[in-house]
């Protein structure tokens, strides 16, 4: 199915709009339930979005933050998405709770099982999710040609976190990862994909009508009809 792409003239306007979609959704959830649940992404794209979110008039002490995906590295690593979120959003004592995907388990699959259990114990749904996309079309850690890709994209499975092996023969990802599956995003009423730069817009437009069983962009469009795509030509 086709997806409308909302265009913003400046990166500042784009970041403010992405942030407002997230914090408005979380505030709305807090009017109905004791806690609200936000899942964020890593990388360089969401930095200004998190900076804008941090300024919002939101009771962060009633928000639980987690990640849509993570590298299988400790928070002390510069590659850690958890480290990014913890330094970008008000997370800590008296502020938002945090549920990590990484744990110091023996294997990435064991860490995925621990994260699946922790998320399921906390909630059965997300209230807001911020996604990015790589120039190869990967979303979360749903990489092209990954052996876990088809499983991550099955819409009828229970929401879970899966381990993602490193790519072979130089393919991405370069190291083990952890990723929420598509059903977690399908629980979420406010899903925003934040895109910047002409290259990523072209990738999105080229892939959105592809096979949803094999292509992450197409899977989101097919199974999340309320997906919001916000784009600015100004890249980071």
Foldseek 3Di string as FASTA:
>chain_A
DDDDEAEDADLLVLLLVLLCLFQVLQQVVVVPDQAAEEAEEADDNNQSNLQNNQPDPHQQCRYEYEYQKFFQDDLVDPRTRVVVNVVRHPDDVSGHHYQYLHDPDPDNQVSQVVSFVVVVVVDQAHAEYEWEADLQQDIHQLHAPWPCNLVLLDQPDRWTKGKTAADPPPGDDNGIMIGIGPNRVLRYLHYEYEEEAPSSVVVLVVPCPDDSSRGVSVSCVVRPVNYHYYYYNDDD
